[in-house]
């Protein structure tokens, strides 16, 4: 039982870290959104954009 509880605790901590990471990413993205729009005019970027958004959604 103690082993399971410990596992859950580390799992929770990992989830929090991932959450923090994705929050930081989101902040960075919103900060640089105008720059992103400039880059997005680039067709190459608009092709990768859904992939990037998917990665962010899944917290890498």
Protein backbone atom coordinates (compact mmCIF):
# COMPACT_ATOMS: atom_id res chain seq x y z
CA UNK A 1 0.00 0.00 0.00
CA UNK A 2 2.79 2.41 0.91
CA UNK A 3 4.48 1.69 -2.41
CA UNK A 4 1.31 2.58 -4.31
CA UNK A 5 0.85 5.79 -2.33
CA UNK A 6 4.46 6.76 -3.05
CA UNK A 7 3.95 6.04 -6.73
CA UNK A 8 0.81 8.18 -6.79
CA UNK A 9 2.65 10.99 -5.05
CA UNK A 10 5.48 10.99 -7.58
CA UNK A 11 2.93 10.75 -10.37
CA UNK A 12 1.16 13.80 -9.03
CA UNK A 13 4.44 15.69 -8.77
CA UNK A 14 5.31 14.78 -12.36
CA UNK A 15 1.89 15.93 -13.53
CA UNK A 16 2.40 19.24 -11.75
CA UNK A 17 5.79 19.67 -13.40
CA UNK A 18 4.30 18.96 -16.80
CA UNK A 19 1.51 21.42 -16.02
CA UNK A 20 4.03 24.08 -15.04
CA UNK A 21 5.99 23.41 -18.21
CA UNK A 22 2.95 23.79 -20.45
CA UNK A 23 1.86 26.92 -18.56
CA UNK A 24 5.29 28.46 -19.16
CA UNK A 25 5.04 27.50 -22.81
CA UNK A 26 1.59 29.01 -23.06
CA UNK A 27 2.85 32.23 -21.49
CA UNK A 28 5.78 32.33 -23.90
CA UNK A 29 3.46 31.72 -26.80
CA UNK A 30 1.01 34.43 -25.84
CA UNK A 31 3.92 36.82 -25.29
CA UNK A 32 5.30 36.08 -28.73
CA UNK A 33 1.97 35.74 -30.47
CA UNK A 34 2.45 38.81 -32.66
CA UNK A 35 5.85 37.45 -33.71
CA UNK A 36 4.16 34.12 -34.37
CA UNK A 37 1.62 35.76 -36.64
CA UNK A 38 4.48 37.23 -38.64
CA UNK A 39 6.11 33.83 -38.91
CA UNK A 40 2.78 32.25 -39.70
CA UNK A 41 2.59 34.19 -42.94
CA UNK A 42 5.30 31.73 -43.83
CA UNK A 43 3.49 28.72 -45.33
CA UNK A 44 6.07 26.43 -43.82
CA UNK A 45 5.07 27.52 -40.31
CA UNK A 46 1.35 27.24 -40.88
CA UNK A 47 1.97 23.63 -41.89
CA UNK A 48 3.69 22.88 -38.58
CA UNK A 49 1.39 24.96 -36.42
CA UNK A 50 -1.21 22.22 -35.75
CA UNK A 51 1.61 19.87 -34.77
CA UNK A 52 3.06 22.43 -32.38
CA UNK A 53 -0.36 23.12 -30.87
CA UNK A 54 -0.93 19.39 -30.45
CA UNK A 55 2.40 19.05 -28.66
CA UNK A 56 1.53 21.92 -26.35
CA UNK A 57 -1.90 20.45 -25.65
CA UNK A 58 -0.26 17.18 -24.63
CA UNK A 59 2.36 19.02 -22.57
CA UNK A 60 5.12 17.55 -24.73
